[in-house]
Amino acid sequence: MKVQKTQTRTIATLAEGVFQAREVLKECSENKSHPVVGSRKLQEIVNAHQRYAYDVIVHVGLARYLRVKQRVEIQAELRNEFGIGLSAGTVSNLCDRFLASLESLHVKRAPDLKAAMEGGYTLHVDATCERGKGATLVCLDGWRGWVLAASRIPSENADSVRRLVNKTVDLFGDPVGTMRDLSDAMAKAIEPLSERGIVDLACHYHFVSAVGTKLFDSPYSKLRTILRTAGIKKALRTLHRELRHYITTSNYEGRFGVGEVRENLLALVLWILEGDGKKELTFPFGLPLLSFVRRCRQVHQRIDCWMSPPKTQVERRALHHLKKVICNMEERLTCSNSVEALEQAIEPFSELRALMRLSNVHLLRTKSCGYQATFPSAEILLLEKIEADLKDYIVDLQIKVPTVGKKVSNPHPCAVILSYLKRYGSKLFGHPVRLDDTGTVLAVMERTNNVAEHFFARGSQRLRRRLGRKHIGHDLEQQPAQALLTANLLHPDYVSILCGSLENLPRAFAQVDSPNDLSSPLDRTNRYAKTFKLVRILLQHSEDTDGAVKPIPGFIPGQTQTADIINPTIS
C-alpha cells in the first residue's frame, strides 16, 4: 500500500464537538483496480464525504421521531447543549439519513428478529390514505406490536399489497395467521398465504361495520339530503343565536320583540341540536341524524317539562317559531321512508353487534382505543361463545328469511345480515394461539384489526406534534414509509435485537452504511408523483421569459413522449 493523498474535512460529533479530521488515503501499489483504503476509525464515526457524524444523525432522528420534537426545538437543543448549529433543511436531511439507515439495519437484523419470534407471528395488514393520493401500507406483528414492513402504494390494490406481504414473508417467514379488513384487494393479496394453509381472518369490527353500512347507508343518505335541503339545523342555529342575545343583552329588541327569555329555552334548542353534549359514535355504530330527528319529535314533551307557565310573549313567539321549524321537517319526512327504514334496521343490527360482543372500547376513535384483552384464556372462551351464538343466530335468521329465488330491491335487514354471515362467516373464527412449554396460553390473535388502525391513529397524533399543525393530509402524503419503522424503537425487546441499546445505534448504523452512500432512497412517492413531475417539466419548457406559451421542440401533441421530455434537448 502506498499513500494516494491526504484530505481534511470538518466533522461535527456529539462526543468530540466540531474538529478537523486529517485522513490519509492509501492504494495498492501493484493493482490500481483495488479500492482505495481510508481510515477505518473515521468510517465508524462518520460516513464518507459527510460532515455530521452518526451520533448526530441518531440524536436528530430520535428527537424527531421518538421524542416528537419540532425542527426548531432540535436546533435549539443541539446549539445549547453541544454547540452544533444546524439549519432547518439540514435537520430534515439528517432525518432522512436516519430513516434510510434504520431501514437498512432492520433488513440486516431480520434473521435475528425472526429467530426471536418464538411461536411465529400474527400478520396484521392495513393501509391508510389521505385525499386519495396514494396510501401507506403497513405489515404489523400483532403479538409484539412490531412494524415488519411498510411502503407507499399508489392505491390499495391487490398487486401493491401482495408485494409488501411477500417482502414481509421473505424476511420473517410465514405468519401463523393474517388479519385484514373485508376489501377484495386485501383478500386477493393474502390468497397465496391461505392456499398454503395459513389462517386468513377478517376483522370483527370491519365485519359489523360493513353490515351496518349496508343497512343504513341508503336511508341515512336520504335523511341527510332532506335535512340539508330543508335547512332545519341552520334554522335552529339561527334561533339559538337569537335567543342567546336575549339572555346576554338587557332590553334586547330582536325578531321576537322585547322581553325576557329563560335560559331553559336556550338549553332546549341546544339539546335539539347537540343532544347532551357527549361525543357520539361514528357511523354506522352511531346515527347522529336519526338521534336529531328523535329529539325533534320530543320537543312538545320537553316544552311542557322544561318551560313551566307562565311564558313571556317573547318565549311564546320563539316556541311558535320552533314548532314551525319542526313541522317543516315532518312535512319533508312524510315524503320519504328513510326514518322508518333506519328504525327497522337498528334492532337487528344491535342484536348482531351484541352477539359479536363489540362494545364501545372495540370501536375506533374512542377514548378507550388502547383496549387489549387482559387474559388470553378468557379471550379464547369468548371467541368460542361468540361462534356458538352466531351458529344459533344463523339458524334463526334462516327461519325468518326463507330462501328466495330472485333478488329483492330492498331486502329485509335480516336477509342482509344472513348474506354477510354466509359470505364471511368462515373468516371470523379460528384465531391462532401462542403457548409456552407447559401448554399455557400466552397470547391469542386479536379478533379485530385495531392493532393497525390504532397504530395509524397514534402516528397521526405524533405527526401533528412534530409539525405543529392540525391538518396533515399533505404531510401524510409526503411522509416516507420508513418513518413507520421508528415506532419499533419504542419496544425494548426489538431494540435489544437491533443494536443492544439506543446508545449503540450510531455504531450499528456505521456497520450497515455504505461508505459511498450519499443518497437517501426514501419511499415518499404518491400516485401522481410521476405525472406531476411531467407537468412541472412541461410548464418549465413551454413558457418563455415573457410568459407566452411556446411549443416544445420534438413534442407532438397527443403522443406520450415521457423519455424525451424528462431529458429535453433545448438550446
Foldseek 3Di string as FASTA:
>chain_A
DAWPDKDWDWAAEQVPGIDIDIKTWDDDPPDRPDDIDIDPVVLLFDFAPDHYTLRLLLVLQCCCQVVLAALVVSQVCCCVNRVDHDDSVVSVVSNLLSLLLLVLLLQVLLVVVLVVQPPFFEWEWDWDAFPLWWIKIWIAGQVQLATQDIFTGQDLAQVVRLVGVVVSCVRRNQGQAYEYADDPSVCNSCVVNVVVVRAYFYFPVNLLQVLQCVQQVVLLVVLVVLCVVLVLLVVLVVLLVVLVCQVPPAQDQDPQGGDHDDCLVSVLSVCLNCNPVDDADDPPVGRVSLVSLVSLVCSVVSCVVRPPDDDDSSVVVSVVVSVVSSVSSVVSCVVDCSSVSVVQLPVVSVVLCVLSVCDPLCDPPDPNVVDDDDAQVVVVVSLVSSLVVVVVVLVVLCVVDPDDPDDDPDDRSSVSVNVSCVVNVSNQDDWDFGADPVGGTDHTRDSRSSSVVVLVVVVLVSVCSRVVDDDCNVVSLQDFRSSSNVVLLVRQVSCCSSQNHSVRVSSSSSVSDDSPDPDSPTRRHTNCNLVVLLVVLQCVQQADPVRDGHDAPPDDPPDDDSVCSVPPDDD
